[in-house]
């Protein structure tokens, strides 16, 4: 399996090539100069299903994502991500509704190198800039006060814009020819979030909980790579 080969190369510090003689009876072990693996340059398009995985844990919050990647050098790729998120959360004292989208742009660097013909696996670190816009409202909220009495109010629709940075660590493996599966973990740092009124966002599309200035996230992607050429 490709995964076991990958682990072997990570754990091993020496590479031996076994070459059989022409008569097939003697075996020679000799060192050879590493042959640089060919890297397929091209555009990958795919989906990020991580927002669907959190639905059982956060009912009322649903989203979906798409990813595009262009490998333009041996170790570098430009990555774009987009998606949407709808939120409808109802608690004892309030109801919150939001819908919006996100766009992320950045680069990945692949530091995983093996001299195995046909191996296109990646272990990457990267950086993203994220931007999101959303419409939100609170049809009702309740302030409970035993002295003054309860107060019920609402917030009308308002717009929220947010931006942040992400540091990314990920792995990506070719399970079939030109078909990749991958995952990544992300540390997200909020730069700014602006709303039209006093209603604070419950979540930000692509970022997570608004009241956390640093969020951890993850992605789980399926990609198809359209090969252009090999280096």
C-alpha atoms as a PDB file:
ATOM      1  CA  UNK A   1       0.000   0.000   0.000  1.00  0.00           C
ATOM      2  CA  UNK A   2       1.215   3.543  -0.673  1.00  0.00           C
ATOM      3  CA  UNK A   3       0.737   4.604   2.938  1.00  0.00           C
ATOM      4  CA  UNK A   4       3.070   1.887   4.239  1.00  0.00           C
ATOM      5  CA  UNK A   5       5.709   2.905   1.674  1.00  0.00           C
ATOM      6  CA  UNK A   6       5.401   6.497   2.796  1.00  0.00           C
ATOM      7  CA  UNK A   7       5.951   5.546   6.439  1.00  0.00           C
ATOM      8  CA  UNK A   8       8.950   3.438   5.439  1.00  0.00           C
ATOM      9  CA  UNK A   9      10.612   6.396   3.767  1.00  0.00           C
ATOM     10  CA  UNK A  10       9.873   8.736   6.660  1.00  0.00           C
ATOM     11  CA  UNK A  11      11.414   6.354   9.217  1.00  0.00           C
ATOM     12  CA  UNK A  12      14.343   5.202   7.084  1.00  0.00           C
ATOM     13  CA  UNK A  13      17.505   7.225   6.676  1.00  0.00           C
ATOM     14  CA  UNK A  14      19.205   4.982   4.126  1.00  0.00           C
ATOM     15  CA  UNK A  15      18.045   3.854   0.698  1.00  0.00           C
ATOM     16  CA  UNK A  16      19.320   0.596  -0.771  1.00  0.00           C
ATOM     17  CA  UNK A  17      18.689  -0.517  -4.312  1.00  0.00           C
ATOM     18  CA  UNK A  18      18.821  -4.247  -4.998  1.00  0.00           C
ATOM     19  CA  UNK A  19      19.868  -5.055  -8.535  1.00  0.00           C
ATOM     20  CA  UNK A  20      19.624  -8.589  -9.875  1.00  0.00           C
ATOM     21  CA  UNK A  21      22.250  -9.846 -12.297  1.00  0.00           C
ATOM     22  CA  UNK A  22      21.305 -10.796 -15.820  1.00  0.00           C
ATOM     23  CA  UNK A  23      21.264 -14.560 -15.065  1.00  0.00           C
ATOM     24  CA  UNK A  24      18.955 -14.046 -12.085  1.00  0.00           C
ATOM     25  CA  UNK A  25      21.186 -16.100  -9.722  1.00  0.00           C
ATOM     26  CA  UNK A  26      23.391 -13.490  -8.047  1.00  0.00           C
ATOM     27  CA  UNK A  27      22.307 -10.417  -6.131  1.00  0.00           C
ATOM     28  CA  UNK A  28      24.280  -7.223  -5.909  1.00  0.00           C
ATOM     29  CA  UNK A  29      23.594  -4.362  -3.507  1.00  0.00           C
ATOM     30  CA  UNK A  30      25.062  -1.127  -4.686  1.00  0.00           C
ATOM     31  CA  UNK A  31      24.600   2.548  -4.005  1.00  0.00           C
ATOM     32  CA  UNK A  32      23.234   4.641  -6.803  1.00  0.00           C
ATOM     33  CA  UNK A  33      22.707   8.309  -7.243  1.00  0.00           C
ATOM     34  CA  UNK A  34      19.106   9.216  -6.296  1.00  0.00           C
ATOM     35  CA  UNK A  35      16.849   9.717  -9.261  1.00  0.00           C
ATOM     36  CA  UNK A  36      14.725  12.787  -8.781  1.00  0.00           C
ATOM     37  CA  UNK A  37      11.060  11.869  -8.906  1.00  0.00           C
ATOM     38  CA  UNK A  38       9.031  13.564 -11.616  1.00  0.00           C
ATOM     39  CA  UNK A  39       6.426  15.985 -10.267  1.00  0.00           C
ATOM     40  CA  UNK A  40       3.221  16.477 -12.195  1.00  0.00           C
ATOM     41  CA  UNK A  41       2.410  20.131 -12.667  1.00  0.00           C
ATOM     42  CA  UNK A  42      -1.226  20.946 -13.085  1.00  0.00           C
ATOM     43  CA  UNK A  43      -4.500  22.161 -11.684  1.00  0.00           C
ATOM     44  CA  UNK A  44      -6.351  20.253  -8.982  1.00  0.00           C
ATOM     45  CA  UNK A  45     -10.009  20.831  -8.203  1.00  0.00           C
ATOM     46  CA  UNK A  46     -11.891  19.227  -5.364  1.00  0.00           C
ATOM     47  CA  UNK A  47     -14.213  19.444  -2.384  1.00  0.00           C
ATOM     48  CA  UNK A  48     -13.709  19.914   1.330  1.00  0.00           C
ATOM     49  CA  UNK A  49     -16.165  17.779   3.304  1.00  0.00           C
ATOM     50  CA  UNK A  50     -14.983  18.823   6.782  1.00  0.00           C
ATOM     51  CA  UNK A  51     -17.986  21.190   7.281  1.00  0.00           C
ATOM     52  CA  UNK A  52     -20.295  18.195   6.866  1.00  0.00           C
ATOM     53  CA  UNK A  53     -18.456  16.221   9.532  1.00  0.00           C
ATOM     54  CA  UNK A  54     -19.224  18.762  12.269  1.00  0.00           C
ATOM     55  CA  UNK A  55     -23.009  18.685  11.713  1.00  0.00           C
ATOM     56  CA  UNK A  56     -23.678  15.964  14.358  1.00  0.00           C
ATOM     57  CA  UNK A  57     -21.666  17.985  16.893  1.00  0.00           C
ATOM     58  CA  UNK A  58     -23.109  21.412  16.058  1.00  0.00           C
ATOM     59  CA  UNK A  59     -26.728  21.034  14.896  1.00  0.00           C
ATOM     60  CA  UNK A  60     -28.007  24.039  13.006  1.00  0.00           C
ATOM     61  CA  UNK A  61     -24.675  24.771  11.378  1.00  0.00           C
ATOM     62  CA  UNK A  62     -24.079  23.430   7.873  1.00  0.00           C
ATOM     63  CA  UNK A  63     -21.569  24.243   5.165  1.00  0.00           C
ATOM     64  CA  UNK A  64     -19.565  22.964   2.240  1.00  0.00           C
ATOM     65  CA  UNK A  65     -16.250  23.864   0.644  1.00  0.00           C
ATOM     66  CA  UNK A  66     -14.311  23.712  -2.612  1.00  0.00           C
ATOM     67  CA  UNK A  67     -10.573  23.792  -3.220  1.00  0.00           C
ATOM     68  CA  UNK A  68      -8.356  24.574  -6.196  1.00  0.00           C
ATOM     69  CA  UNK A  69      -4.604  24.005  -6.348  1.00  0.00           C
ATOM     70  CA  UNK A  70      -2.004  24.773  -8.993  1.00  0.00           C
ATOM     71  CA  UNK A  71       1.374  23.035  -8.649  1.00  0.00           C
ATOM     72  CA  UNK A  72       3.814  25.244 -10.502  1.00  0.00           C
ATOM     73  CA  UNK A  73       7.208  24.126  -9.157  1.00  0.00           C
ATOM     74  CA  UNK A  74       8.829  21.080  -7.596  1.00  0.00           C
ATOM     75  CA  UNK A  75       7.743  22.002  -4.061  1.00  0.00           C
ATOM     76  CA  UNK A  76       5.312  24.916  -4.358  1.00  0.00           C
ATOM     77  CA  UNK A  77       1.621  25.272  -5.090  1.00  0.00           C
ATOM     78  CA  UNK A  78      -0.885  28.121  -5.079  1.00  0.00           C
ATOM     79  CA  UNK A  79      -4.096  27.238  -3.278  1.00  0.00           C
ATOM     80  CA  UNK A  80      -7.548  28.818  -3.357  1.00  0.00           C
ATOM     81  CA  UNK A  81     -10.462  27.749  -1.171  1.00  0.00           C
ATOM     82  CA  UNK A  82     -14.073  28.872  -1.102  1.00  0.00           C
ATOM     83  CA  UNK A  83     -17.244  27.756   0.615  1.00  0.00           C
ATOM     84  CA  UNK A  84     -20.487  28.707   2.294  1.00  0.00           C
ATOM     85  CA  UNK A  85     -22.070  28.286   5.706  1.00  0.00           C
ATOM     86  CA  UNK A  86     -25.649  28.574   6.955  1.00  0.00           C
ATOM     87  CA  UNK A  87     -26.420  28.809  10.668  1.00  0.00           C
ATOM     88  CA  UNK A  88     -29.769  28.590  12.446  1.00  0.00           C
ATOM     89  CA  UNK A  89     -29.306  28.151  16.189  1.00  0.00           C
ATOM     90  CA  UNK A  90     -32.126  28.355  18.742  1.00  0.00           C
ATOM     91  CA  UNK A  91     -31.506  28.422  22.487  1.00  0.00           C
ATOM     92  CA  UNK A  92     -33.695  29.183  25.499  1.00  0.00           C
ATOM     93  CA  UNK A  93     -32.907  32.892  25.405  1.00  0.00           C
ATOM     94  CA  UNK A  94     -32.219  33.659  21.741  1.00  0.00           C
ATOM     95  CA  UNK A  95     -32.333  32.582  18.113  1.00  0.00           C
ATOM     96  CA  UNK A  96     -29.524  33.363  15.684  1.00  0.00           C
ATOM     97  CA  UNK A  97     -29.528  33.051  11.889  1.00  0.00           C
ATOM     98  CA  UNK A  98     -26.707  33.648   9.437  1.00  0.00           C
ATOM     99  CA  UNK A  99     -25.653  32.790   5.903  1.00  0.00           C
ATOM    100  CA  UNK A 100     -22.468  33.723   4.132  1.00  0.00           C
ATOM    101  CA  UNK A 101     -19.394  32.688   2.212  1.00  0.00           C
ATOM    102  CA  UNK A 102     -15.630  32.619   2.524  1.00  0.00           C
ATOM    103  CA  UNK A 103     -12.590  32.912   0.260  1.00  0.00           C
ATOM    104  CA  UNK A 104      -9.044  31.857   1.169  1.00  0.00           C
ATOM    105  CA  UNK A 105      -5.865  32.337  -0.845  1.00  0.00           C
ATOM    106  CA  UNK A 106      -2.361  31.160  -0.069  1.00  0.00           C
ATOM    107  CA  UNK A 107       0.569  28.871  -0.815  1.00  0.00           C
ATOM    108  CA  UNK A 108       1.741  25.409   0.250  1.00  0.00           C
ATOM    109  CA  UNK A 109       5.294  24.102   0.424  1.00  0.00           C
ATOM    110  CA  UNK A 110       5.904  20.351   0.088  1.00  0.00           C
ATOM    111  CA  UNK A 111       8.867  19.141   2.166  1.00  0.00           C
ATOM    112  CA  UNK A 112       8.294  15.414   1.576  1.00  0.00           C
ATOM    113  CA  UNK A 113      10.737  13.990  -0.969  1.00  0.00           C
ATOM    114  CA  UNK A 114      11.189  10.341  -1.919  1.00  0.00           C
ATOM    115  CA  UNK A 115      12.999   8.744  -4.822  1.00  0.00           C
ATOM    116  CA  UNK A 116      10.136   6.411  -5.642  1.00  0.00           C
ATOM    117  CA  UNK A 117       8.928   6.552  -9.259  1.00  0.00           C
ATOM    118  CA  UNK A 118       5.317   7.633  -9.467  1.00  0.00           C
ATOM    119  CA  UNK A 119       5.076   8.803  -5.845  1.00  0.00           C
ATOM    120  CA  UNK A 120       3.146  12.071  -5.744  1.00  0.00           C
ATOM    121  CA  UNK A 121       2.443  12.141  -1.996  1.00  0.00           C
ATOM    122  CA  UNK A 122       2.829  15.473  -0.190  1.00  0.00           C
ATOM    123  CA  UNK A 123       3.449  16.651   3.349  1.00  0.00           C
ATOM    124  CA  UNK A 124       2.976  20.403   3.351  1.00  0.00           C
ATOM    125  CA  UNK A 125       3.113  23.544   5.387  1.00  0.00           C
ATOM    126  CA  UNK A 126       1.313  26.630   4.186  1.00  0.00           C
ATOM    127  CA  UNK A 127      -0.185  30.025   4.790  1.00  0.00           C
ATOM    128  CA  UNK A 128      -3.653  31.383   3.969  1.00  0.00           C
ATOM    129  CA  UNK A 129      -5.399  34.733   4.027  1.00  0.00           C
ATOM    130  CA  UNK A 130      -9.097  34.307   4.735  1.00  0.00           C
ATOM    131  CA  UNK A 131     -11.999  36.651   4.045  1.00  0.00           C
ATOM    132  CA  UNK A 132     -15.688  36.150   4.810  1.00  0.00           C
ATOM    133  CA  UNK A 133     -18.900  38.075   4.417  1.00  0.00           C
ATOM    134  CA  UNK A 134     -22.273  37.133   5.906  1.00  0.00           C
ATOM    135  CA  UNK A 135     -25.799  38.334   6.633  1.00  0.00           C
ATOM    136  CA  UNK A 136     -27.048  37.760  10.172  1.00  0.00           C
ATOM    137  CA  UNK A 137     -30.062  38.434  12.355  1.00  0.00           C
ATOM    138  CA  UNK A 138     -31.587  37.517  15.696  1.00  0.00           C
ATOM    139  CA  UNK A 139     -35.383  37.175  15.398  1.00  0.00           C
ATOM    140  CA  UNK A 140     -35.633  37.323  19.181  1.00  0.00           C
ATOM    141  CA  UNK A 141     -33.569  37.407  22.327  1.00  0.00           C
ATOM    142  CA  UNK A 142     -34.602  37.452  25.956  1.00  0.00           C
ATOM    143  CA  UNK A 143     -32.928  39.148  28.910  1.00  0.00           C
ATOM    144  CA  UNK A 144     -34.075  37.582  32.174  1.00  0.00           C
ATOM    145  CA  UNK A 145     -34.057  39.887  35.208  1.00  0.00           C
ATOM    146  CA  UNK A 146     -35.907  39.044  38.441  1.00  0.00           C
ATOM    147  CA  UNK A 147     -35.894  42.665  39.562  1.00  0.00           C
ATOM    148  CA  UNK A 148     -36.751  44.665  36.440  1.00  0.00           C
ATOM    149  CA  UNK A 149     -38.541  41.852  34.674  1.00  0.00           C
ATOM    150  CA  UNK A 150     -37.767  40.036  31.477  1.00  0.00           C
ATOM    151  CA  UNK A 151     -37.036  41.942  28.294  1.00  0.00           C
ATOM    152  CA  UNK A 152     -37.614  40.525  24.814  1.00  0.00           C
ATOM    153  CA  UNK A 153     -36.066  42.157  21.770  1.00  0.00           C
ATOM    154  CA  UNK A 154     -34.656  41.399  18.323  1.00  0.00           C
ATOM    155  CA  UNK A 155     -31.916  42.393  15.912  1.00  0.00           C
ATOM    156  CA  UNK A 156     -32.695  42.960  12.248  1.00  0.00           C
ATOM    157  CA  UNK A 157     -30.507  41.851   9.384  1.00  0.00           C
ATOM    158  CA  UNK A 158     -26.963  43.173   9.307  1.00  0.00           C
ATOM    159  CA  UNK A 159     -23.773  42.560   7.337  1.00  0.00           C
ATOM    160  CA  UNK A 160     -20.520  41.227   8.796  1.00  0.00           C
ATOM    161  CA  UNK A 161     -17.103  41.233   7.124  1.00  0.00           C
ATOM    162  CA  UNK A 162     -14.126  39.405   8.637  1.00  0.00           C
ATOM    163  CA  UNK A 163     -10.555  38.539   7.749  1.00  0.00           C
ATOM    164  CA  UNK A 164      -7.873  36.366   9.317  1.00  0.00           C
ATOM    165  CA  UNK A 165      -4.650  34.433   8.714  1.00  0.00           C
ATOM    166  CA  UNK A 166      -4.162  30.667   8.806  1.00  0.00           C
ATOM    167  CA  UNK A 167      -1.084  28.514   9.336  1.00  0.00           C
ATOM    168  CA  UNK A 168      -1.605  25.102   7.723  1.00  0.00           C
ATOM    169  CA  UNK A 169      -0.031  21.659   8.106  1.00  0.00           C
ATOM    170  CA  UNK A 170      -1.348  18.916   5.842  1.00  0.00           C
ATOM    171  CA  UNK A 171      -0.857  15.578   4.119  1.00  0.00           C
ATOM    172  CA  UNK A 172      -2.027  14.580   0.658  1.00  0.00           C
ATOM    173  CA  UNK A 173      -1.768  11.174  -1.007  1.00  0.00           C
ATOM    174  CA  UNK A 174      -2.569   9.859  -4.477  1.00  0.00           C
ATOM    175  CA  UNK A 175      -4.973   6.950  -3.976  1.00  0.00           C
ATOM    176  CA  UNK A 176      -5.664   6.467  -7.690  1.00  0.00           C
ATOM    177  CA  UNK A 177      -4.011   7.984 -10.721  1.00  0.00           C
ATOM    178  CA  UNK A 178      -4.557  11.762 -10.493  1.00  0.00           C
ATOM    179  CA  UNK A 179      -7.060  11.305  -7.635  1.00  0.00           C
ATOM    180  CA  UNK A 180      -5.948  12.616  -4.224  1.00  0.00           C
ATOM    181  CA  UNK A 181      -7.235  12.503  -0.667  1.00  0.00           C
ATOM    182  CA  UNK A 182      -5.861  14.795   1.993  1.00  0.00           C
ATOM    183  CA  UNK A 183      -6.334  16.443   5.350  1.00  0.00           C
ATOM    184  CA  UNK A 184      -4.936  19.475   7.112  1.00  0.00           C
ATOM    185  CA  UNK A 185      -4.989  21.135  10.511  1.00  0.00           C
ATOM    186  CA  UNK A 186      -5.056  24.900  10.805  1.00  0.00           C
ATOM    187  CA  UNK A 187      -4.396  27.594  13.358  1.00  0.00           C
ATOM    188  CA  UNK A 188      -6.526  30.637  12.547  1.00  0.00           C
ATOM    189  CA  UNK A 189      -5.801  34.109  13.908  1.00  0.00           C
ATOM    190  CA  UNK A 190      -8.564  36.715  13.593  1.00  0.00           C
ATOM    191  CA  UNK A 191      -7.396  40.071  12.254  1.00  0.00           C
ATOM    192  CA  UNK A 192     -10.636  42.027  12.127  1.00  0.00           C
ATOM    193  CA  UNK A 193     -14.413  41.579  12.148  1.00  0.00           C
ATOM    194  CA  UNK A 194     -16.872  44.390  11.526  1.00  0.00           C
ATOM    195  CA  UNK A 195     -20.669  44.375  11.870  1.00  0.00           C
ATOM    196  CA  UNK A 196     -23.330  46.965  11.067  1.00  0.00           C
ATOM    197  CA  UNK A 197     -25.001  46.784  14.479  1.00  0.00           C
ATOM    198  CA  UNK A 198     -24.457  45.538  18.040  1.00  0.00           C
ATOM    199  CA  UNK A 199     -25.227  41.900  17.212  1.00  0.00           C
ATOM    200  CA  UNK A 200     -22.079  39.821  17.543  1.00  0.00           C
ATOM    201  CA  UNK A 201     -21.617  36.905  15.118  1.00  0.00           C
ATOM    202  CA  UNK A 202     -22.148  33.415  16.479  1.00  0.00           C
ATOM    203  CA  UNK A 203     -19.707  32.001  13.920  1.00  0.00           C
ATOM    204  CA  UNK A 204     -17.765  33.325  10.920  1.00  0.00           C
ATOM    205  CA  UNK A 205     -17.869  31.235   7.714  1.00  0.00           C
ATOM    206  CA  UNK A 206     -14.543  29.499   7.227  1.00  0.00           C
ATOM    207  CA  UNK A 207     -13.183  30.746  10.551  1.00  0.00           C
ATOM    208  CA  UNK A 208     -15.382  29.411  13.342  1.00  0.00           C
ATOM    209  CA  UNK A 209     -16.518  30.903  16.643  1.00  0.00           C
ATOM    210  CA  UNK A 210     -16.297  34.683  16.569  1.00  0.00           C
ATOM    211  CA  UNK A 211     -15.471  35.097  20.266  1.00  0.00           C
ATOM    212  CA  UNK A 212     -12.258  33.043  19.861  1.00  0.00           C
ATOM    213  CA  UNK A 213      -9.449  35.250  18.595  1.00  0.00           C
ATOM    214  CA  UNK A 214      -7.510  32.056  17.778  1.00  0.00           C
ATOM    215  CA  UNK A 215      -9.319  29.010  16.375  1.00  0.00           C
ATOM    216  CA  UNK A 216      -8.177  25.537  15.407  1.00  0.00           C
ATOM    217  CA  UNK A 217      -9.728  23.939  12.336  1.00  0.00           C
ATOM    218  CA  UNK A 218      -9.275  21.102   9.896  1.00  0.00           C
ATOM    219  CA  UNK A 219     -10.079  20.137   6.334  1.00  0.00           C
ATOM    220  CA  UNK A 220     -10.682  16.810   4.606  1.00  0.00           C
ATOM    221  CA  UNK A 221     -10.440  16.997   0.842  1.00  0.00           C
ATOM    222  CA  UNK A 222     -10.960  14.933  -2.292  1.00  0.00           C
ATOM    223  CA  UNK A 223      -9.183  16.309  -5.362  1.00  0.00           C
ATOM    224  CA  UNK A 224      -8.740  15.432  -9.008  1.00  0.00           C
ATOM    225  CA  UNK A 225      -5.547  16.688 -10.629  1.00  0.00           C
ATOM    226  CA  UNK A 226      -5.555  17.626 -14.307  1.00  0.00           C
ATOM    227  CA  UNK A 227      -1.946  16.928 -15.395  1.00  0.00           C
ATOM    228  CA  UNK A 228      -0.237  19.408 -17.660  1.00  0.00           C
ATOM    229  CA  UNK A 229       3.365  18.253 -17.716  1.00  0.00           C
ATOM    230  CA  UNK A 230       6.069  16.624 -15.618  1.00  0.00           C
ATOM    231  CA  UNK A 231       9.248  18.154 -14.213  1.00  0.00           C
END
